[in-house]
Amino acid sequence: MNNPPDISQDPAEHEEYAHGIQKHVKGYLMVGAALIVCTALTVGLSYVNFGSPKANIIVALLLAAFKVSLVGAVFMHLAAEKKLIYRVLIFTGFFVLALFWLTYLAWYNPIVR
C-alpha cells in the first residue's frame, strides 16, 4: 500500500508517486465513463420489448451485474484482493440466487398447481 508523500520533503523525490496516481485516476475515469454509457444503455433498453417481461428483467439484471462487477473490481479494489474475499463473494452470490429461487417458487407456487 503506497503511503502519501510527506509534504515537508522535496516534491521532486515523489514524482514516481504522482505518476502512479495518474495511472489510477485514468482507470477510474475510464470505468466511470463505462458506467455512464452502461446507464444510458440501461435506460435505452428499458424502452425495448424483448418479447416478455421475464426477458426484459433478465436483460436488465445482466447489465446491472456487469455494472456491479465494474464497481466492485475497480472502485472497491476487489481485483487485488486475496482468495478469501472471492469465497465470501461466491457464497453471497449463491445466497442471492437461492433467494431468487425462493421468490420464483413463491410466485408460481408449483406445489399448489
PDB file of N, CA and C in Angstrom:
ATOM      1  N   MET A   1       0.850  -1.170   0.000  1.00  0.00           N
ATOM      2  CA  MET A   1       0.000   0.000   0.000  1.00  0.00           C
ATOM      3  C   MET A   1       0.891   1.226   0.000  1.00  0.00           C
ATOM      4  N   ASN A   2       0.692   2.129  -0.931  1.00  0.00           N
ATOM      5  CA  ASN A   2       1.505   3.329  -1.028  1.00  0.00           C
ATOM      6  C   ASN A   2       1.003   4.365  -0.056  1.00  0.00           C
ATOM      7  N   ASN A   3       1.941   4.898   0.739  1.00  0.00           N
ATOM      8  CA  ASN A   3       1.599   5.975   1.648  1.00  0.00           C
ATOM      9  C   ASN A   3       1.816   7.294   0.939  1.00  0.00           C
ATOM     10  N   PRO A   4       1.002   8.302   1.255  1.00  0.00           N
ATOM     11  CA  PRO A   4       1.212   9.589   0.614  1.00  0.00           C
ATOM     12  C   PRO A   4       2.552  10.187   1.034  1.00  0.00           C
ATOM     13  N   PRO A   5       3.155  10.944   0.159  1.00  0.00           N
ATOM     14  CA  PRO A   5       4.457  11.510   0.499  1.00  0.00           C
ATOM     15  C   PRO A   5       4.331  12.565   1.578  1.00  0.00           C
ATOM     16  N   ASP A   6       5.418  12.736   2.317  1.00  0.00           N
ATOM     17  CA  ASP A   6       5.482  13.765   3.343  1.00  0.00           C
ATOM     18  C   ASP A   6       5.641  15.111   2.656  1.00  0.00           C
ATOM     19  N   ILE A   7       4.821  16.081   3.010  1.00  0.00           N
ATOM     20  CA  ILE A   7       4.831  17.382   2.346  1.00  0.00           C
ATOM     21  C   ILE A   7       6.132  18.124   2.617  1.00  0.00           C
ATOM     22  N   SER A   8       6.743  17.879   3.761  1.00  0.00           N
ATOM     23  CA  SER A   8       7.958  18.608   4.113  1.00  0.00           C
ATOM     24  C   SER A   8       9.149  18.187   3.264  1.00  0.00           C
ATOM     25  N   GLN A   9       9.063  17.061   2.557  1.00  0.00           N
ATOM     26  CA  GLN A   9      10.174  16.595   1.737  1.00  0.00           C
ATOM     27  C   GLN A   9      10.117  17.246   0.362  1.00  0.00           C
ATOM     28  N   ASP A  10      11.194  17.061  -0.374  1.00  0.00           N
ATOM     29  CA  ASP A  10      11.298  17.624  -1.716  1.00  0.00           C
ATOM     30  C   ASP A  10      10.278  16.958  -2.634  1.00  0.00           C
ATOM     31  N   PRO A  11       9.412  17.726  -3.314  1.00  0.00           N
ATOM     32  CA  PRO A  11       8.403  17.127  -4.188  1.00  0.00           C
ATOM     33  C   PRO A  11       8.996  16.374  -5.368  1.00  0.00           C
ATOM     34  N   ALA A  12      10.194  16.716  -5.792  1.00  0.00           N
ATOM     35  CA  ALA A  12      10.812  16.020  -6.923  1.00  0.00           C
ATOM     36  C   ALA A  12      11.112  14.567  -6.584  1.00  0.00           C
ATOM     37  N   GLU A  13      11.283  14.265  -5.306  1.00  0.00           N
ATOM     38  CA  GLU A  13      11.554  12.889  -4.882  1.00  0.00           C
ATOM     39  C   GLU A  13      10.324  12.002  -5.061  1.00  0.00           C
ATOM     40  N   HIS A  14       9.166  12.593  -5.126  1.00  0.00           N
ATOM     41  CA  HIS A  14       7.927  11.828  -5.166  1.00  0.00           C
ATOM     42  C   HIS A  14       7.261  11.893  -6.536  1.00  0.00           C
ATOM     43  N   GLU A  15       8.045  12.138  -7.557  1.00  0.00           N
ATOM     44  CA  GLU A  15       7.495  12.212  -8.908  1.00  0.00           C
ATOM     45  C   GLU A  15       6.919  10.871  -9.333  1.00  0.00           C
ATOM     46  N   GLU A  16       7.550   9.781  -8.929  1.00  0.00           N
ATOM     47  CA  GLU A  16       7.045   8.448  -9.285  1.00  0.00           C
ATOM     48  C   GLU A  16       5.692   8.199  -8.640  1.00  0.00           C
ATOM     49  N   TYR A  17       5.523   8.661  -7.408  1.00  0.00           N
ATOM     50  CA  TYR A  17       4.246   8.505  -6.718  1.00  0.00           C
ATOM     51  C   TYR A  17       3.141   9.230  -7.476  1.00  0.00           C
ATOM     52  N   ALA A  18       3.421  10.433  -7.957  1.00  0.00           N
ATOM     53  CA  ALA A  18       2.426  11.204  -8.699  1.00  0.00           C
ATOM     54  C   ALA A  18       2.053  10.509 -10.001  1.00  0.00           C
ATOM     55  N   HIS A  19       3.025   9.892 -10.665  1.00  0.00           N
ATOM     56  CA  HIS A  19       2.710   9.182 -11.902  1.00  0.00           C
ATOM     57  C   HIS A  19       1.837   7.961 -11.621  1.00  0.00           C
ATOM     58  N   GLY A  20       2.056   7.305 -10.486  1.00  0.00           N
ATOM     59  CA  GLY A  20       1.215   6.169 -10.117  1.00  0.00           C
ATOM     60  C   GLY A  20      -0.221   6.573  -9.886  1.00  0.00           C
ATOM     61  N   ILE A  21      -0.414   7.747  -9.293  1.00  0.00           N
ATOM     62  CA  ILE A  21      -1.772   8.243  -9.058  1.00  0.00           C
ATOM     63  C   ILE A  21      -2.448   8.547 -10.388  1.00  0.00           C
ATOM     64  N   GLN A  22      -1.717   9.150 -11.302  1.00  0.00           N
ATOM     65  CA  GLN A  22      -2.295   9.478 -12.601  1.00  0.00           C
ATOM     66  C   GLN A  22      -2.774   8.227 -13.325  1.00  0.00           C
ATOM     67  N   LYS A  23      -2.023   7.138 -13.189  1.00  0.00           N
ATOM     68  CA  LYS A  23      -2.434   5.884 -13.818  1.00  0.00           C
ATOM     69  C   LYS A  23      -3.766   5.401 -13.238  1.00  0.00           C
ATOM     70  N   HIS A  24      -3.919   5.494 -11.926  1.00  0.00           N
ATOM     71  CA  HIS A  24      -5.158   5.056 -11.285  1.00  0.00           C
ATOM     72  C   HIS A  24      -6.316   5.984 -11.626  1.00  0.00           C
ATOM     73  N   VAL A  25      -6.056   7.285 -11.634  1.00  0.00           N
ATOM     74  CA  VAL A  25      -7.118   8.246 -11.952  1.00  0.00           C
ATOM     75  C   VAL A  25      -7.620   8.006 -13.365  1.00  0.00           C
ATOM     76  N   LYS A  26      -6.721   7.739 -14.295  1.00  0.00           N
ATOM     77  CA  LYS A  26      -7.128   7.468 -15.672  1.00  0.00           C
ATOM     78  C   LYS A  26      -8.025   6.223 -15.718  1.00  0.00           C
ATOM     79  N   GLY A  27      -7.672   5.183 -14.979  1.00  0.00           N
ATOM     80  CA  GLY A  27      -8.500   3.978 -14.925  1.00  0.00           C
ATOM     81  C   GLY A  27      -9.860   4.254 -14.312  1.00  0.00           C
ATOM     82  N   TYR A  28      -9.888   5.051 -13.236  1.00  0.00           N
ATOM     83  CA  TYR A  28     -11.158   5.393 -12.604  1.00  0.00           C
ATOM     84  C   TYR A  28     -12.051   6.176 -13.556  1.00  0.00           C
ATOM     85  N   LEU A  29     -11.456   7.105 -14.288  1.00  0.00           N
ATOM     86  CA  LEU A  29     -12.245   7.887 -15.240  1.00  0.00           C
ATOM     87  C   LEU A  29     -12.778   7.014 -16.368  1.00  0.00           C
ATOM     88  N   MET A  30     -11.974   6.052 -16.812  1.00  0.00           N
ATOM     89  CA  MET A  30     -12.437   5.152 -17.872  1.00  0.00           C
ATOM     90  C   MET A  30     -13.593   4.289 -17.389  1.00  0.00           C
ATOM     91  N   VAL A  31     -13.483   3.764 -16.177  1.00  0.00           N
ATOM     92  CA  VAL A  31     -14.564   2.946 -15.627  1.00  0.00           C
ATOM     93  C   VAL A  31     -15.798   3.809 -15.371  1.00  0.00           C
ATOM     94  N   GLY A  32     -15.600   5.034 -14.892  1.00  0.00           N
ATOM     95  CA  GLY A  32     -16.728   5.943 -14.699  1.00  0.00           C
ATOM     96  C   GLY A  32     -17.449   6.233 -16.009  1.00  0.00           C
ATOM     97  N   ALA A  33     -16.674   6.436 -17.077  1.00  0.00           N
ATOM     98  CA  ALA A  33     -17.288   6.666 -18.388  1.00  0.00           C
ATOM     99  C   ALA A  33     -18.032   5.418 -18.857  1.00  0.00           C
ATOM    100  N   ALA A  34     -17.457   4.238 -18.618  1.00  0.00           N
ATOM    101  CA  ALA A  34     -18.140   2.994 -18.990  1.00  0.00           C
ATOM    102  C   ALA A  34     -19.444   2.835 -18.215  1.00  0.00           C
ATOM    103  N   LEU A  35     -19.447   3.230 -16.951  1.00  0.00           N
ATOM    104  CA  LEU A  35     -20.673   3.145 -16.155  1.00  0.00           C
ATOM    105  C   LEU A  35     -21.735   4.121 -16.656  1.00  0.00           C
ATOM    106  N   ILE A  36     -21.317   5.301 -17.085  1.00  0.00           N
ATOM    107  CA  ILE A  36     -22.267   6.260 -17.638  1.00  0.00           C
ATOM    108  C   ILE A  36     -22.864   5.719 -18.936  1.00  0.00           C
ATOM    109  N   VAL A  37     -22.012   5.133 -19.786  1.00  0.00           N
ATOM    110  CA  VAL A  37     -22.501   4.542 -21.039  1.00  0.00           C
ATOM    111  C   VAL A  37     -23.465   3.392 -20.743  1.00  0.00           C
ATOM    112  N   CYS A  38     -23.106   2.547 -19.778  1.00  0.00           N
ATOM    113  CA  CYS A  38     -23.991   1.425 -19.430  1.00  0.00           C
ATOM    114  C   CYS A  38     -25.309   1.905 -18.836  1.00  0.00           C
ATOM    115  N   THR A  39     -25.275   2.995 -18.086  1.00  0.00           N
ATOM    116  CA  THR A  39     -26.509   3.543 -17.546  1.00  0.00           C
ATOM    117  C   THR A  39     -27.397   4.069 -18.668  1.00  0.00           C
ATOM    118  N   ALA A  40     -26.796   4.746 -19.636  1.00  0.00           N
ATOM    119  CA  ALA A  40     -27.573   5.206 -20.794  1.00  0.00           C
ATOM    120  C   ALA A  40     -28.128   4.009 -21.569  1.00  0.00           C
ATOM    121  N   LEU A  41     -27.331   2.947 -21.673  1.00  0.00           N
ATOM    122  CA  LEU A  41     -27.796   1.729 -22.340  1.00  0.00           C
ATOM    123  C   LEU A  41     -28.948   1.094 -21.569  1.00  0.00           C
ATOM    124  N   THR A  42     -28.881   1.115 -20.257  1.00  0.00           N
ATOM    125  CA  THR A  42     -29.966   0.583 -19.435  1.00  0.00           C
ATOM    126  C   THR A  42     -31.254   1.353 -19.686  1.00  0.00           C
ATOM    127  N   VAL A  43     -31.145   2.676 -19.715  1.00  0.00           N
ATOM    128  CA  VAL A  43     -32.338   3.499 -19.966  1.00  0.00           C
ATOM    129  C   VAL A  43     -32.883   3.216 -21.366  1.00  0.00           C
ATOM    130  N   GLY A  44     -31.987   3.128 -22.354  1.00  0.00           N
ATOM    131  CA  GLY A  44     -32.436   2.840 -23.717  1.00  0.00           C
ATOM    132  C   GLY A  44     -33.092   1.482 -23.844  1.00  0.00           C
ATOM    133  N   LEU A  45     -32.510   0.474 -23.190  1.00  0.00           N
ATOM    134  CA  LEU A  45     -33.070  -0.873 -23.272  1.00  0.00           C
ATOM    135  C   LEU A  45     -34.380  -1.015 -22.503  1.00  0.00           C
ATOM    136  N   SER A  46     -34.645  -0.092 -21.584  1.00  0.00           N
ATOM    137  CA  SER A  46     -35.911  -0.173 -20.849  1.00  0.00           C
ATOM    138  C   SER A  46     -37.104   0.103 -21.766  1.00  0.00           C
ATOM    139  N   TYR A  47     -36.861   0.749 -22.895  1.00  0.00           N
ATOM    140  CA  TYR A  47     -37.931   1.031 -23.850  1.00  0.00           C
ATOM    141  C   TYR A  47     -38.085  -0.064 -24.908  1.00  0.00           C
ATOM    142  N   VAL A  48     -37.196  -1.055 -24.887  1.00  0.00           N
ATOM    143  CA  VAL A  48     -37.233  -2.137 -25.872  1.00  0.00           C
ATOM    144  C   VAL A  48     -38.025  -3.301 -25.293  1.00  0.00           C
ATOM    145  N   ASN A  49     -38.906  -3.869 -26.079  1.00  0.00           N
ATOM    146  CA  ASN A  49     -39.666  -5.040 -25.660  1.00  0.00           C
ATOM    147  C   ASN A  49     -38.955  -6.286 -26.195  1.00  0.00           C
ATOM    148  N   PHE A  50     -38.467  -7.114 -25.309  1.00  0.00           N
ATOM    149  CA  PHE A  50     -37.748  -8.320 -25.701  1.00  0.00           C
ATOM    150  C   PHE A  50     -38.665  -9.532 -25.817  1.00  0.00           C
ATOM    151  N   GLY A  51     -39.941  -9.319 -25.873  1.00  0.00           N
ATOM    152  CA  GLY A  51     -40.892 -10.407 -26.072  1.00  0.00           C
ATOM    153  C   GLY A  51     -41.719 -10.737 -24.857  1.00  0.00           C
ATOM    154  N   SER A  52     -41.135 -10.623 -23.687  1.00  0.00           N
ATOM    155  CA  SER A  52     -41.886 -10.901 -22.458  1.00  0.00           C
ATOM    156  C   SER A  52     -41.261 -10.093 -21.321  1.00  0.00           C
ATOM    157  N   PRO A  53     -42.026  -9.870 -20.274  1.00  0.00           N
ATOM    158  CA  PRO A  53     -41.459  -9.152 -19.124  1.00  0.00           C
ATOM    159  C   PRO A  53     -40.264  -9.894 -18.505  1.00  0.00           C
ATOM    160  N   LYS A  54     -40.309 -11.232 -18.553  1.00  0.00           N
ATOM    161  CA  LYS A  54     -39.193 -12.015 -17.992  1.00  0.00           C
ATOM    162  C   LYS A  54     -37.901 -11.740 -18.753  1.00  0.00           C
ATOM    163  N   ALA A  55     -37.990 -11.675 -20.081  1.00  0.00           N
ATOM    164  CA  ALA A  55     -36.796 -11.402 -20.890  1.00  0.00           C
ATOM    165  C   ALA A  55     -36.272  -9.999 -20.602  1.00  0.00           C
ATOM    166  N   ASN A  56     -37.166  -9.044 -20.425  1.00  0.00           N
ATOM    167  CA  ASN A  56     -36.744  -7.686 -20.089  1.00  0.00           C
ATOM    168  C   ASN A  56     -36.016  -7.650 -18.754  1.00  0.00           C
ATOM    169  N   ILE A  57     -36.524  -8.392 -17.783  1.00  0.00           N
ATOM    170  CA  ILE A  57     -35.892  -8.442 -16.464  1.00  0.00           C
ATOM    171  C   ILE A  57     -34.529  -9.103 -16.556  1.00  0.00           C
ATOM    172  N   ILE A  58     -34.410 -10.171 -17.331  1.00  0.00           N
ATOM    173  CA  ILE A  58     -33.134 -10.863 -17.473  1.00  0.00           C
ATOM    174  C   ILE A  58     -32.091  -9.950 -18.100  1.00  0.00           C
ATOM    175  N   VAL A  59     -32.472  -9.216 -19.148  1.00  0.00           N
ATOM    176  CA  VAL A  59     -31.539  -8.282 -19.789  1.00  0.00           C
ATOM    177  C   VAL A  59     -31.118  -7.198 -18.802  1.00  0.00           C
ATOM    178  N   ALA A  60     -32.067  -6.662 -18.055  1.00  0.00           N
ATOM    179  CA  ALA A  60     -31.744  -5.620 -17.075  1.00  0.00           C
ATOM    180  C   ALA A  60     -30.812  -6.146 -15.990  1.00  0.00           C
ATOM    181  N   LEU A  61     -31.056  -7.369 -15.517  1.00  0.00           N
ATOM    182  CA  LEU A  61     -30.204  -7.943 -14.477  1.00  0.00           C
ATOM    183  C   LEU A  61     -28.803  -8.247 -14.988  1.00  0.00           C
ATOM    184  N   LEU A  62     -28.689  -8.696 -16.221  1.00  0.00           N
ATOM    185  CA  LEU A  62     -27.361  -8.948 -16.785  1.00  0.00           C
ATOM    186  C   LEU A  62     -26.551  -7.663 -16.905  1.00  0.00           C
ATOM    187  N   LEU A  63     -27.174  -6.606 -17.360  1.00  0.00           N
ATOM    188  CA  LEU A  63     -26.474  -5.335 -17.466  1.00  0.00           C
ATOM    189  C   LEU A  63     -26.138  -4.783 -16.084  1.00  0.00           C
ATOM    190  N   ALA A  64     -27.039  -4.936 -15.142  1.00  0.00           N
ATOM    191  CA  ALA A  64     -26.770  -4.486 -13.769  1.00  0.00           C
ATOM    192  C   ALA A  64     -25.629  -5.286 -13.151  1.00  0.00           C
ATOM    193  N   ALA A  65     -25.573  -6.588 -13.427  1.00  0.00           N
ATOM    194  CA  ALA A  65     -24.481  -7.413 -12.894  1.00  0.00           C
ATOM    195  C   ALA A  65     -23.143  -6.971 -13.471  1.00  0.00           C
ATOM    196  N   PHE A  66     -23.121  -6.601 -14.749  1.00  0.00           N
ATOM    197  CA  PHE A  66     -21.887  -6.105 -15.356  1.00  0.00           C
ATOM    198  C   PHE A  66     -21.438  -4.812 -14.683  1.00  0.00           C
ATOM    199  N   LYS A  67     -22.382  -3.897 -14.433  1.00  0.00           N
ATOM    200  CA  LYS A  67     -22.031  -2.632 -13.791  1.00  0.00           C
ATOM    201  C   LYS A  67     -21.554  -2.852 -12.359  1.00  0.00           C
ATOM    202  N   VAL A  68     -22.193  -3.757 -11.651  1.00  0.00           N
ATOM    203  CA  VAL A  68     -21.775  -4.062 -10.278  1.00  0.00           C
ATOM    204  C   VAL A  68     -20.375  -4.652 -10.261  1.00  0.00           C
ATOM    205  N   SER A  69     -20.075  -5.518 -11.223  1.00  0.00           N
ATOM    206  CA  SER A  69     -18.736  -6.103 -11.265  1.00  0.00           C
ATOM    207  C   SER A  69     -17.678  -5.045 -11.555  1.00  0.00           C
ATOM    208  N   LEU A  70     -17.990  -4.068 -12.398  1.00  0.00           N
ATOM    209  CA  LEU A  70     -17.042  -2.973 -12.638  1.00  0.00           C
ATOM    210  C   LEU A  70     -16.801  -2.165 -11.362  1.00  0.00           C
ATOM    211  N   VAL A  71     -17.865  -1.817 -10.682  1.00  0.00           N
ATOM    212  CA  VAL A  71     -17.737  -1.034  -9.452  1.00  0.00           C
ATOM    213  C   VAL A  71     -16.955  -1.821  -8.406  1.00  0.00           C
ATOM    214  N   GLY A  72     -17.291  -3.090  -8.238  1.00  0.00           N
ATOM    215  CA  GLY A  72     -16.605  -3.901  -7.230  1.00  0.00           C
ATOM    216  C   GLY A  72     -15.140  -4.112  -7.551  1.00  0.00           C
ATOM    217  N   ALA A  73     -14.832  -4.407  -8.801  1.00  0.00           N
ATOM    218  CA  ALA A  73     -13.447  -4.706  -9.167  1.00  0.00           C
ATOM    219  C   ALA A  73     -12.562  -3.480  -9.117  1.00  0.00           C
ATOM    220  N   VAL A  74     -13.068  -2.330  -9.553  1.00  0.00           N
ATOM    221  CA  VAL A  74     -12.204  -1.159  -9.670  1.00  0.00           C
ATOM    222  C   VAL A  74     -12.331  -0.228  -8.470  1.00  0.00           C
ATOM    223  N   PHE A  75     -13.531   0.245  -8.186  1.00  0.00           N
ATOM    224  CA  PHE A  75     -13.695   1.239  -7.128  1.00  0.00           C
ATOM    225  C   PHE A  75     -13.556   0.635  -5.732  1.00  0.00           C
ATOM    226  N   MET A  76     -13.945  -0.618  -5.569  1.00  0.00           N
ATOM    227  CA  MET A  76     -13.815  -1.266  -4.267  1.00  0.00           C
ATOM    228  C   MET A  76     -12.536  -2.088  -4.174  1.00  0.00           C
ATOM    229  N   HIS A  77     -11.705  -2.049  -5.209  1.00  0.00           N
ATOM    230  CA  HIS A  77     -10.388  -2.687  -5.255  1.00  0.00           C
ATOM    231  C   HIS A  77     -10.453  -4.194  -5.019  1.00  0.00           C
ATOM    232  N   LEU A  78     -11.523  -4.838  -5.459  1.00  0.00           N
ATOM    233  CA  LEU A  78     -11.646  -6.282  -5.284  1.00  0.00           C
ATOM    234  C   LEU A  78     -10.771  -7.055  -6.262  1.00  0.00           C
ATOM    235  N   ALA A  79     -10.302  -6.405  -7.305  1.00  0.00           N
ATOM    236  CA  ALA A  79      -9.450  -7.080  -8.283  1.00  0.00           C
ATOM    237  C   ALA A  79      -8.110  -7.475  -7.664  1.00  0.00           C
ATOM    238  N   ALA A  80      -7.702  -6.813  -6.579  1.00  0.00           N
ATOM    239  CA  ALA A  80      -6.416  -7.094  -5.958  1.00  0.00           C
ATOM    240  C   ALA A  80      -6.563  -7.812  -4.610  1.00  0.00           C
ATOM    241  N   GLU A  81      -7.710  -8.361  -4.338  1.00  0.00           N
ATOM    242  CA  GLU A  81      -7.944  -8.997  -3.048  1.00  0.00           C
ATOM    243  C   GLU A  81      -7.423 -10.432  -3.010  1.00  0.00           C
ATOM    244  N   LYS A  82      -7.418 -10.968  -1.818  1.00  0.00           N
ATOM    245  CA  LYS A  82      -6.987 -12.348  -1.590  1.00  0.00           C
ATOM    246  C   LYS A  82      -8.123 -13.321  -1.916  1.00  0.00           C
ATOM    247  N   LYS A  83      -7.827 -14.605  -1.824  1.00  0.00           N
ATOM    248  CA  LYS A  83      -8.805 -15.642  -2.164  1.00  0.00           C
ATOM    249  C   LYS A  83     -10.008 -15.647  -1.220  1.00  0.00           C
ATOM    250  N   LEU A  84      -9.811 -15.252   0.026  1.00  0.00           N
ATOM    251  CA  LEU A  84     -10.905 -15.295   1.000  1.00  0.00           C
ATOM    252  C   LEU A  84     -12.076 -14.429   0.553  1.00  0.00           C
ATOM    253  N   ILE A  85     -11.782 -13.257   0.023  1.00  0.00           N
ATOM    254  CA  ILE A  85     -12.874 -12.368  -0.387  1.00  0.00           C
ATOM    255  C   ILE A  85     -13.671 -12.996  -1.526  1.00  0.00           C
ATOM    256  N   TYR A  86     -12.997 -13.733  -2.411  1.00  0.00           N
ATOM    257  CA  TYR A  86     -13.723 -14.384  -3.505  1.00  0.00           C
ATOM    258  C   TYR A  86     -14.605 -15.503  -2.982  1.00  0.00           C
ATOM    259  N   ARG A  87     -14.165 -16.204  -1.967  1.00  0.00           N
ATOM    260  CA  ARG A  87     -15.018 -17.241  -1.363  1.00  0.00           C
ATOM    261  C   ARG A  87     -16.268 -16.614  -0.752  1.00  0.00           C
ATOM    262  N   VAL A  88     -16.100 -15.496  -0.073  1.00  0.00           N
ATOM    263  CA  VAL A  88     -17.239 -14.807   0.519  1.00  0.00           C
ATOM    264  C   VAL A  88     -18.182 -14.304  -0.574  1.00  0.00           C
ATOM    265  N   LEU A  89     -17.611 -13.751  -1.649  1.00  0.00           N
ATOM    266  CA  LEU A  89     -18.445 -13.248  -2.747  1.00  0.00           C
ATOM    267  C   LEU A  89     -19.197 -14.381  -3.437  1.00  0.00           C
ATOM    268  N   ILE A  90     -18.556 -15.520  -3.629  1.00  0.00           N
ATOM    269  CA  ILE A  90     -19.228 -16.659  -4.263  1.00  0.00           C
ATOM    270  C   ILE A  90     -20.365 -17.158  -3.373  1.00  0.00           C
ATOM    271  N   PHE A  91     -20.111 -17.247  -2.070  1.00  0.00           N
ATOM    272  CA  PHE A  91     -21.168 -17.649  -1.145  1.00  0.00           C
ATOM    273  C   PHE A  91     -22.334 -16.669  -1.208  1.00  0.00           C
ATOM    274  N   THR A  92     -22.028 -15.379  -1.236  1.00  0.00           N
ATOM    275  CA  THR A  92     -23.073 -14.364  -1.313  1.00  0.00           C
ATOM    276  C   THR A  92     -23.864 -14.502  -2.606  1.00  0.00           C
ATOM    277  N   GLY A  93     -23.174 -14.770  -3.711  1.00  0.00           N
ATOM    278  CA  GLY A  93     -23.856 -14.955  -4.989  1.00  0.00           C
ATOM    279  C   GLY A  93     -24.805 -16.141  -4.954  1.00  0.00           C
ATOM    280  N   PHE A  94     -24.350 -17.271  -4.377  1.00  0.00           N
ATOM    281  CA  PHE A  94     -25.228 -18.432  -4.261  1.00  0.00           C
ATOM    282  C   PHE A  94     -26.420 -18.132  -3.354  1.00  0.00           C
ATOM    283  N   PHE A  95     -26.189 -17.369  -2.296  1.00  0.00           N
ATOM    284  CA  PHE A  95     -27.271 -16.992  -1.392  1.00  0.00           C
ATOM    285  C   PHE A  95     -28.302 -16.136  -2.119  1.00  0.00           C
ATOM    286  N   VAL A  96     -27.849 -15.184  -2.922  1.00  0.00           N
ATOM    287  CA  VAL A  96     -28.770 -14.336  -3.686  1.00  0.00           C
ATOM    288  C   VAL A  96     -29.561 -15.175  -4.683  1.00  0.00           C
ATOM    289  N   LEU A  97     -28.877 -16.097  -5.368  1.00  0.00           N
ATOM    290  CA  LEU A  97     -29.580 -16.975  -6.311  1.00  0.00           C
ATOM    291  C   LEU A  97     -30.618 -17.837  -5.591  1.00  0.00           C
ATOM    292  N   ALA A  98     -30.293 -18.296  -4.389  1.00  0.00           N
ATOM    293  CA  ALA A  98     -31.261 -19.074  -3.608  1.00  0.00           C
ATOM    294  C   ALA A  98     -32.472 -18.221  -3.247  1.00  0.00           C
ATOM    295  N   LEU A  99     -32.245 -16.958  -2.908  1.00  0.00           N
ATOM    296  CA  LEU A  99     -33.374 -16.073  -2.608  1.00  0.00           C
ATOM    297  C   LEU A  99     -34.216 -15.814  -3.849  1.00  0.00           C
ATOM    298  N   PHE A 100     -33.567 -15.668  -5.007  1.00  0.00           N
ATOM    299  CA  PHE A 100     -34.321 -15.528  -6.255  1.00  0.00           C
ATOM    300  C   PHE A 100     -35.158 -16.773  -6.506  1.00  0.00           C
ATOM    301  N   TRP A 101     -34.560 -17.946  -6.257  1.00  0.00           N
ATOM    302  CA  TRP A 101     -35.275 -19.206  -6.473  1.00  0.00           C
ATOM    303  C   TRP A 101     -36.480 -19.307  -5.534  1.00  0.00           C
ATOM    304  N   LEU A 102     -36.313 -18.905  -4.283  1.00  0.00           N
ATOM    305  CA  LEU A 102     -37.441 -18.930  -3.341  1.00  0.00           C
ATOM    306  C   LEU A 102     -38.539 -17.963  -3.783  1.00  0.00           C
ATOM    307  N   THR A 103     -38.146 -16.813  -4.301  1.00  0.00           N
ATOM    308  CA  THR A 103     -39.128 -15.863  -4.813  1.00  0.00           C
ATOM    309  C   THR A 103     -39.873 -16.462  -5.996  1.00  0.00           C
ATOM    310  N   TYR A 104     -39.141 -17.133  -6.879  1.00  0.00           N
ATOM    311  CA  TYR A 104     -39.759 -17.793  -8.026  1.00  0.00           C
ATOM    312  C   TYR A 104     -40.760 -18.849  -7.558  1.00  0.00           C
ATOM    313  N   LEU A 105     -40.383 -19.668  -6.580  1.00  0.00           N
ATOM    314  CA  LEU A 105     -41.290 -20.700  -6.062  1.00  0.00           C
ATOM    315  C   LEU A 105     -42.521 -20.078  -5.417  1.00  0.00           C
ATOM    316  N   ALA A 106     -42.345 -18.983  -4.696  1.00  0.00           N
ATOM    317  CA  ALA A 106     -43.489 -18.331  -4.063  1.00  0.00           C
ATOM    318  C   ALA A 106     -44.390 -17.681  -5.104  1.00  0.00           C
ATOM    319  N   TRP A 107     -43.806 -17.191  -6.171  1.00  0.00           N
ATOM    320  CA  TRP A 107     -44.575 -16.503  -7.205  1.00  0.00           C
ATOM    321  C   TRP A 107     -45.430 -17.491  -8.003  1.00  0.00           C
ATOM    322  N   TYR A 108     -44.818 -18.598  -8.415  1.00  0.00           N
ATOM    323  CA  TYR A 108     -45.541 -19.559  -9.251  1.00  0.00           C
ATOM    324  C   TYR A 108     -46.150 -20.719  -8.461  1.00  0.00           C
ATOM    325  N   ASN A 109     -45.708 -20.940  -7.251  1.00  0.00           N
ATOM    326  CA  ASN A 109     -46.257 -21.910  -6.327  1.00  0.00           C
ATOM    327  C   ASN A 109     -46.539 -23.259  -7.019  1.00  0.00           C
ATOM    328  N   PRO A 110     -45.495 -24.000  -7.397  1.00  0.00           N
ATOM    329  CA  PRO A 110     -45.707 -25.247  -8.121  1.00  0.00           C
ATOM    330  C   PRO A 110     -46.357 -26.347  -7.292  1.00  0.00           C
ATOM    331  N   ILE A 111     -46.352 -26.235  -5.990  1.00  0.00           N
ATOM    332  CA  ILE A 111     -46.921 -27.260  -5.129  1.00  0.00           C
ATOM    333  C   ILE A 111     -48.452 -27.267  -5.247  1.00  0.00           C
ATOM    334  N   VAL A 112     -49.054 -26.091  -5.305  1.00  0.00           N
ATOM    335  CA  VAL A 112     -50.494 -25.980  -5.369  1.00  0.00           C
ATOM    336  C   VAL A 112     -51.010 -26.290  -6.768  1.00  0.00           C
ATOM    337  N   ARG A 113     -50.275 -25.935  -7.791  1.00  0.00           N
ATOM    338  CA  ARG A 113     -50.738 -26.106  -9.167  1.00  0.00           C
ATOM    339  C   ARG A 113     -50.636 -27.518  -9.614  1.00  0.00           C
TER     340      ARG A 113
END
